[in-house]
Amino acid sequence: MTLRLYAERKGWPLEKVDVALAATRGETFVISRRIRLHGPLTAEQKLRLLEIANKCPVHKTLSGPIVIESTIAD
């Protein structure tokens, strides 16, 4: 959604975005993301959209420290 809104605002010909995720657990939990951009975009536009994808709210949330506080409900 973030990429679509950005491309619309710039007037770029982004037609569709597909995202595939894979996760691996080891010493660190790693999420691999593959973004496929559809439409006649230039290499520069694609690179800028990747930068924007890395700044979206979901990416920021998952990249930052996460604290889970648990309680028992009555």
PDB file of N, CA and C in Angstrom:
ATOM      1  N   MET A   1       0.819  -1.178   0.000  1.00  0.00           N
ATOM      2  CA  MET A   1       0.000   0.000   0.000  1.00  0.00           C
ATOM      3  C   MET A   1       0.877   1.262   0.000  1.00  0.00           C
ATOM      4  N   THR A   2       1.938   1.245   0.786  1.00  0.00           N
ATOM      5  CA  THR A   2       2.838   2.390   0.836  1.00  0.00           C
ATOM      6  C   THR A   2       3.462   2.652  -0.534  1.00  0.00           C
ATOM      7  N   LEU A   3       3.878   1.589  -1.209  1.00  0.00           N
ATOM      8  CA  LEU A   3       4.491   1.746  -2.525  1.00  0.00           C
ATOM      9  C   LEU A   3       3.496   2.275  -3.540  1.00  0.00           C
ATOM     10  N   ARG A   4       2.285   1.762  -3.509  1.00  0.00           N
ATOM     11  CA  ARG A   4       1.267   2.214  -4.451  1.00  0.00           C
ATOM     12  C   ARG A   4       0.967   3.703  -4.266  1.00  0.00           C
ATOM     13  N   LEU A   5       0.803   4.122  -3.028  1.00  0.00           N
ATOM     14  CA  LEU A   5       0.511   5.527  -2.754  1.00  0.00           C
ATOM     15  C   LEU A   5       1.660   6.427  -3.203  1.00  0.00           C
ATOM     16  N   TYR A   6       2.888   5.996  -2.939  1.00  0.00           N
ATOM     17  CA  TYR A   6       4.047   6.795  -3.340  1.00  0.00           C
ATOM     18  C   TYR A   6       4.113   6.911  -4.864  1.00  0.00           C
ATOM     19  N   ALA A   7       3.954   5.782  -5.562  1.00  0.00           N
ATOM     20  CA  ALA A   7       4.019   5.787  -7.029  1.00  0.00           C
ATOM     21  C   ALA A   7       2.902   6.646  -7.623  1.00  0.00           C
ATOM     22  N   GLU A   8       1.705   6.568  -7.067  1.00  0.00           N
ATOM     23  CA  GLU A   8       0.593   7.394  -7.559  1.00  0.00           C
ATOM     24  C   GLU A   8       0.918   8.872  -7.406  1.00  0.00           C
ATOM     25  N   ARG A   9       1.472   9.233  -6.255  1.00  0.00           N
ATOM     26  CA  ARG A   9       1.801  10.640  -6.005  1.00  0.00           C
ATOM     27  C   ARG A   9       2.860  11.151  -6.972  1.00  0.00           C
ATOM     28  N   LYS A  10       3.801  10.267  -7.337  1.00  0.00           N
ATOM     29  CA  LYS A  10       4.866  10.638  -8.270  1.00  0.00           C
ATOM     30  C   LYS A  10       4.437  10.525  -9.734  1.00  0.00           C
ATOM     31  N   GLY A  11       3.289   9.886  -9.993  1.00  0.00           N
ATOM     32  CA  GLY A  11       2.839   9.684 -11.361  1.00  0.00           C
ATOM     33  C   GLY A  11       3.599   8.570 -12.073  1.00  0.00           C
ATOM     34  N   TRP A  12       4.128   7.619 -11.298  1.00  0.00           N
ATOM     35  CA  TRP A  12       4.899   6.516 -11.867  1.00  0.00           C
ATOM     36  C   TRP A  12       3.966   5.380 -12.300  1.00  0.00           C
ATOM     37  N   PRO A  13       4.338   4.627 -13.345  1.00  0.00           N
ATOM     38  CA  PRO A  13       3.470   3.582 -13.891  1.00  0.00           C
ATOM     39  C   PRO A  13       3.544   2.246 -13.141  1.00  0.00           C
ATOM     40  N   LEU A  14       3.362   2.277 -11.839  1.00  0.00           N
ATOM     41  CA  LEU A  14       3.339   1.048 -11.043  1.00  0.00           C
ATOM     42  C   LEU A  14       1.957   0.430 -11.177  1.00  0.00           C
ATOM     43  N   GLU A  15       1.900  -0.765 -11.734  1.00  0.00           N
ATOM     44  CA  GLU A  15       0.624  -1.433 -11.979  1.00  0.00           C
ATOM     45  C   GLU A  15       0.231  -2.382 -10.851  1.00  0.00           C
ATOM     46  N   LYS A  16       1.220  -3.052 -10.268  1.00  0.00           N
ATOM     47  CA  LYS A  16       0.937  -4.071  -9.257  1.00  0.00           C
ATOM     48  C   LYS A  16       2.206  -4.342  -8.469  1.00  0.00           C
ATOM     49  N   VAL A  17       2.043  -4.774  -7.214  1.00  0.00           N
ATOM     50  CA  VAL A  17       3.170  -5.155  -6.365  1.00  0.00           C
ATOM     51  C   VAL A  17       2.868  -6.532  -5.780  1.00  0.00           C
ATOM     52  N   ASP A  18       3.809  -7.451  -5.915  1.00  0.00           N
ATOM     53  CA  ASP A  18       3.714  -8.763  -5.268  1.00  0.00           C
ATOM     54  C   ASP A  18       4.832  -8.854  -4.239  1.00  0.00           C
ATOM     55  N   VAL A  19       4.507  -9.371  -3.065  1.00  0.00           N
ATOM     56  CA  VAL A  19       5.505  -9.528  -2.010  1.00  0.00           C
ATOM     57  C   VAL A  19       5.461 -10.967  -1.521  1.00  0.00           C
ATOM     58  N   ALA A  20       6.621 -11.598  -1.460  1.00  0.00           N
ATOM     59  CA  ALA A  20       6.745 -12.947  -0.919  1.00  0.00           C
ATOM     60  C   ALA A  20       7.681 -12.890   0.284  1.00  0.00           C
ATOM     61  N   LEU A  21       7.284 -13.563   1.349  1.00  0.00           N
ATOM     62  CA  LEU A  21       8.080 -13.575   2.575  1.00  0.00           C
ATOM     63  C   LEU A  21       8.489 -14.999   2.917  1.00  0.00           C
ATOM     64  N   ALA A  22       9.666 -15.121   3.495  1.00  0.00           N
ATOM     65  CA  ALA A  22      10.135 -16.393   4.040  1.00  0.00           C
ATOM     66  C   ALA A  22      10.837 -16.062   5.351  1.00  0.00           C
ATOM     67  N   ALA A  23      10.742 -16.957   6.306  1.00  0.00           N
ATOM     68  CA  ALA A  23      11.368 -16.715   7.604  1.00  0.00           C
ATOM     69  C   ALA A  23      12.218 -17.913   7.986  1.00  0.00           C
ATOM     70  N   THR A  24      13.343 -17.623   8.623  1.00  0.00           N
ATOM     71  CA  THR A  24      14.212 -18.672   9.140  1.00  0.00           C
ATOM     72  C   THR A  24      14.563 -18.346  10.580  1.00  0.00           C
ATOM     73  N   ARG A  25      14.649 -19.390  11.371  1.00  0.00           N
ATOM     74  CA  ARG A  25      15.045 -19.227  12.773  1.00  0.00           C
ATOM     75  C   ARG A  25      16.416 -19.846  12.958  1.00  0.00           C
ATOM     76  N   GLY A  26      17.222 -19.146  13.642  1.00  0.00           N
ATOM     77  CA  GLY A  26      18.546 -19.611  14.012  1.00  0.00           C
ATOM     78  C   GLY A  26      18.920 -18.794  15.225  1.00  0.00           C
ATOM     79  N   GLU A  27      20.155 -18.352  15.267  1.00  0.00           N
ATOM     80  CA  GLU A  27      20.547 -17.433  16.327  1.00  0.00           C
ATOM     81  C   GLU A  27      19.718 -16.165  16.252  1.00  0.00           C
ATOM     82  N   THR A  28      19.387 -15.791  15.026  1.00  0.00           N
ATOM     83  CA  THR A  28      18.565 -14.613  14.765  1.00  0.00           C
ATOM     84  C   THR A  28      17.370 -15.025  13.930  1.00  0.00           C
ATOM     85  N   PHE A  29      16.252 -14.403  14.159  1.00  0.00           N
ATOM     86  CA  PHE A  29      15.061 -14.621  13.342  1.00  0.00           C
ATOM     87  C   PHE A  29      15.191 -13.720  12.119  1.00  0.00           C
ATOM     88  N   VAL A  30      15.201 -14.313  10.920  1.00  0.00           N
ATOM     89  CA  VAL A  30      15.418 -13.555   9.690  1.00  0.00           C
ATOM     90  C   VAL A  30      14.189 -13.660   8.801  1.00  0.00           C
ATOM     91  N   ILE A  31      13.695 -12.516   8.362  1.00  0.00           N
ATOM     92  CA  ILE A  31      12.598 -12.468   7.399  1.00  0.00           C
ATOM     93  C   ILE A  31      13.182 -12.011   6.072  1.00  0.00           C
ATOM     94  N   SER A  32      13.026 -12.842   5.047  1.00  0.00           N
ATOM     95  CA  SER A  32      13.470 -12.487   3.702  1.00  0.00           C
ATOM     96  C   SER A  32      12.251 -12.027   2.921  1.00  0.00           C
ATOM     97  N   ARG A  33      12.379 -10.902   2.256  1.00  0.00           N
ATOM     98  CA  ARG A  33      11.256 -10.328   1.517  1.00  0.00           C
ATOM     99  C   ARG A  33      11.664 -10.151   0.061  1.00  0.00           C
ATOM    100  N   ARG A  34      10.841 -10.655  -0.838  1.00  0.00           N
ATOM    101  CA  ARG A  34      11.069 -10.460  -2.276  1.00  0.00           C
ATOM    102  C   ARG A  34       9.907  -9.629  -2.804  1.00  0.00           C
ATOM    103  N   ILE A  35      10.245  -8.474  -3.375  1.00  0.00           N
ATOM    104  CA  ILE A  35       9.244  -7.551  -3.894  1.00  0.00           C
ATOM    105  C   ILE A  35       9.308  -7.589  -5.417  1.00  0.00           C
ATOM    106  N   ARG A  36       8.181  -7.850  -6.046  1.00  0.00           N
ATOM    107  CA  ARG A  36       8.108  -7.818  -7.513  1.00  0.00           C
ATOM    108  C   ARG A  36       7.234  -6.637  -7.909  1.00  0.00           C
ATOM    109  N   LEU A  37       7.835  -5.722  -8.672  1.00  0.00           N
ATOM    110  CA  LEU A  37       7.134  -4.526  -9.134  1.00  0.00           C
ATOM    111  C   LEU A  37       6.719  -4.733 -10.580  1.00  0.00           C
ATOM    112  N   HIS A  38       5.447  -4.518 -10.880  1.00  0.00           N
ATOM    113  CA  HIS A  38       4.923  -4.675 -12.233  1.00  0.00           C
ATOM    114  C   HIS A  38       4.656  -3.298 -12.829  1.00  0.00           C
ATOM    115  N   GLY A  39       5.025  -3.140 -14.073  1.00  0.00           N
ATOM    116  CA  GLY A  39       4.811  -1.889 -14.784  1.00  0.00           C
ATOM    117  C   GLY A  39       6.119  -1.421 -15.395  1.00  0.00           C
ATOM    118  N   PRO A  40       6.042  -0.522 -16.359  1.00  0.00           N
ATOM    119  CA  PRO A  40       7.237  -0.034 -17.054  1.00  0.00           C
ATOM    120  C   PRO A  40       8.003   1.008 -16.240  1.00  0.00           C
ATOM    121  N   LEU A  41       8.630   0.547 -15.168  1.00  0.00           N
ATOM    122  CA  LEU A  41       9.384   1.429 -14.274  1.00  0.00           C
ATOM    123  C   LEU A  41      10.854   1.444 -14.677  1.00  0.00           C
ATOM    124  N   THR A  42      11.513   2.564 -14.452  1.00  0.00           N
ATOM    125  CA  THR A  42      12.951   2.643 -14.695  1.00  0.00           C
ATOM    126  C   THR A  42      13.694   1.989 -13.529  1.00  0.00           C
ATOM    127  N   ALA A  43      14.970   1.720 -13.737  1.00  0.00           N
ATOM    128  CA  ALA A  43      15.799   1.152 -12.672  1.00  0.00           C
ATOM    129  C   ALA A  43      15.854   2.104 -11.474  1.00  0.00           C
ATOM    130  N   GLU A  44      15.926   3.390 -11.749  1.00  0.00           N
ATOM    131  CA  GLU A  44      15.964   4.382 -10.667  1.00  0.00           C
ATOM    132  C   GLU A  44      14.666   4.388  -9.871  1.00  0.00           C
ATOM    133  N   GLN A  45      13.534   4.271 -10.562  1.00  0.00           N
ATOM    134  CA  GLN A  45      12.242   4.231  -9.866  1.00  0.00           C
ATOM    135  C   GLN A  45      12.150   2.981  -8.994  1.00  0.00           C
ATOM    136  N   LYS A  46      12.620   1.855  -9.497  1.00  0.00           N
ATOM    137  CA  LYS A  46      12.592   0.613  -8.717  1.00  0.00           C
ATOM    138  C   LYS A  46      13.448   0.731  -7.465  1.00  0.00           C
ATOM    139  N   LEU A  47      14.621   1.306  -7.595  1.00  0.00           N
ATOM    140  CA  LEU A  47      15.479   1.492  -6.428  1.00  0.00           C
ATOM    141  C   LEU A  47      14.834   2.414  -5.402  1.00  0.00           C
ATOM    142  N   ARG A  48      14.199   3.473  -5.872  1.00  0.00           N
ATOM    143  CA  ARG A  48      13.533   4.400  -4.943  1.00  0.00           C
ATOM    144  C   ARG A  48      12.367   3.706  -4.237  1.00  0.00           C
ATOM    145  N   LEU A  49      11.629   2.871  -4.970  1.00  0.00           N
ATOM    146  CA  LEU A  49      10.519   2.146  -4.354  1.00  0.00           C
ATOM    147  C   LEU A  49      11.019   1.151  -3.306  1.00  0.00           C
ATOM    148  N   LEU A  50      12.196   0.557  -3.534  1.00  0.00           N
ATOM    149  CA  LEU A  50      12.787  -0.314  -2.514  1.00  0.00           C
ATOM    150  C   LEU A  50      13.124   0.485  -1.263  1.00  0.00           C
ATOM    151  N   GLU A  51      13.670   1.673  -1.438  1.00  0.00           N
ATOM    152  CA  GLU A  51      13.949   2.542  -0.288  1.00  0.00           C
ATOM    153  C   GLU A  51      12.671   2.857   0.477  1.00  0.00           C
ATOM    154  N   ILE A  52      11.608   3.163  -0.253  1.00  0.00           N
ATOM    155  CA  ILE A  52      10.326   3.483   0.377  1.00  0.00           C
ATOM    156  C   ILE A  52       9.778   2.259   1.112  1.00  0.00           C
ATOM    157  N   ALA A  53       9.916   1.079   0.512  1.00  0.00           N
ATOM    158  CA  ALA A  53       9.442  -0.155   1.162  1.00  0.00           C
ATOM    159  C   ALA A  53      10.136  -0.359   2.503  1.00  0.00           C
ATOM    160  N   ASN A  54      11.398   0.011   2.584  1.00  0.00           N
ATOM    161  CA  ASN A  54      12.146  -0.145   3.831  1.00  0.00           C
ATOM    162  C   ASN A  54      11.786   0.908   4.874  1.00  0.00           C
ATOM    163  N   LYS A  55      10.990   1.901   4.489  1.00  0.00           N
ATOM    164  CA  LYS A  55      10.561   2.941   5.422  1.00  0.00           C
ATOM    165  C   LYS A  55       9.084   2.818   5.798  1.00  0.00           C
ATOM    166  N   CYS A  56       8.402   1.811   5.297  1.00  0.00           N
ATOM    167  CA  CYS A  56       6.969   1.690   5.571  1.00  0.00           C
ATOM    168  C   CYS A  56       6.754   1.345   7.050  1.00  0.00           C
ATOM    169  N   PRO A  57       5.584   1.637   7.588  1.00  0.00           N
ATOM    170  CA  PRO A  57       5.328   1.410   9.017  1.00  0.00           C
ATOM    171  C   PRO A  57       5.503  -0.048   9.454  1.00  0.00           C
ATOM    172  N   VAL A  58       5.115  -1.002   8.632  1.00  0.00           N
ATOM    173  CA  VAL A  58       5.250  -2.415   9.010  1.00  0.00           C
ATOM    174  C   VAL A  58       6.727  -2.798   9.087  1.00  0.00           C
ATOM    175  N   HIS A  59       7.502  -2.376   8.108  1.00  0.00           N
ATOM    176  CA  HIS A  59       8.945  -2.669   8.113  1.00  0.00           C
ATOM    177  C   HIS A  59       9.606  -2.069   9.349  1.00  0.00           C
ATOM    178  N   LYS A  60       9.261  -0.838   9.661  1.00  0.00           N
ATOM    179  CA  LYS A  60       9.845  -0.177  10.834  1.00  0.00           C
ATOM    180  C   LYS A  60       9.486  -0.918  12.119  1.00  0.00           C
ATOM    181  N   THR A  61       8.239  -1.363  12.223  1.00  0.00           N
ATOM    182  CA  THR A  61       7.794  -2.085  13.416  1.00  0.00           C
ATOM    183  C   THR A  61       8.561  -3.386  13.581  1.00  0.00           C
ATOM    184  N   LEU A  62       8.684  -4.144  12.499  1.00  0.00           N
ATOM    185  CA  LEU A  62       9.361  -5.435  12.576  1.00  0.00           C
ATOM    186  C   LEU A  62      10.873  -5.302  12.712  1.00  0.00           C
ATOM    187  N   SER A  63      11.436  -4.177  12.304  1.00  0.00           N
ATOM    188  CA  SER A  63      12.875  -3.973  12.385  1.00  0.00           C
ATOM    189  C   SER A  63      13.326  -3.457  13.748  1.00  0.00           C
ATOM    190  N   GLY A  64      12.424  -2.848  14.481  1.00  0.00           N
ATOM    191  CA  GLY A  64      12.783  -2.257  15.763  1.00  0.00           C
ATOM    192  C   GLY A  64      12.720  -3.275  16.886  1.00  0.00           C
ATOM    193  N   PRO A  65      13.160  -2.854  18.058  1.00  0.00           N
ATOM    194  CA  PRO A  65      13.050  -3.760  19.205  1.00  0.00           C
ATOM    195  C   PRO A  65      11.579  -4.001  19.536  1.00  0.00           C
ATOM    196  N   ILE A  66      11.256  -5.223  19.819  1.00  0.00           N
ATOM    197  CA  ILE A  66       9.885  -5.595  20.158  1.00  0.00           C
ATOM    198  C   ILE A  66       9.847  -6.104  21.581  1.00  0.00           C
ATOM    199  N   VAL A  67       8.956  -5.548  22.365  1.00  0.00           N
ATOM    200  CA  VAL A  67       8.773  -5.961  23.742  1.00  0.00           C
ATOM    201  C   VAL A  67       7.379  -6.575  23.844  1.00  0.00           C
ATOM    202  N   ILE A  68       7.312  -7.749  24.426  1.00  0.00           N
ATOM    203  CA  ILE A  68       6.024  -8.412  24.638  1.00  0.00           C
ATOM    204  C   ILE A  68       5.796  -8.477  26.143  1.00  0.00           C
ATOM    205  N   GLU A  69       4.717  -7.852  26.578  1.00  0.00           N
ATOM    206  CA  GLU A  69       4.349  -7.870  27.991  1.00  0.00           C
ATOM    207  C   GLU A  69       3.122  -8.750  28.138  1.00  0.00           C
ATOM    208  N   SER A  70       3.215  -9.759  28.968  1.00  0.00           N
ATOM    209  CA  SER A  70       2.110 -10.704  29.149  1.00  0.00           C
ATOM    210  C   SER A  70       1.584 -10.645  30.564  1.00  0.00           C
ATOM    211  N   THR A  71       0.276 -10.761  30.694  1.00  0.00           N
ATOM    212  CA  THR A  71      -0.370 -10.843  31.998  1.00  0.00           C
ATOM    213  C   THR A  71      -1.437 -11.920  31.942  1.00  0.00           C
ATOM    214  N   ILE A  72      -1.860 -12.350  33.091  1.00  0.00           N
ATOM    215  CA  ILE A  72      -2.965 -13.315  33.200  1.00  0.00           C
ATOM    216  C   ILE A  72      -4.215 -12.513  33.479  1.00  0.00           C
ATOM    217  N   ALA A  73      -5.237 -12.716  32.655  1.00  0.00           N
ATOM    218  CA  ALA A  73      -6.509 -12.005  32.846  1.00  0.00           C
ATOM    219  C   ALA A  73      -7.324 -12.733  33.915  1.00  0.00           C
ATOM    220  N   ASP A  74      -8.116 -11.969  34.671  1.00  0.00           N
ATOM    221  CA  ASP A  74      -9.003 -12.555  35.683  1.00  0.00           C
ATOM    222  C   ASP A  74     -10.174 -13.237  35.036  1.00  0.00           C
TER     223      ASP A  74
END
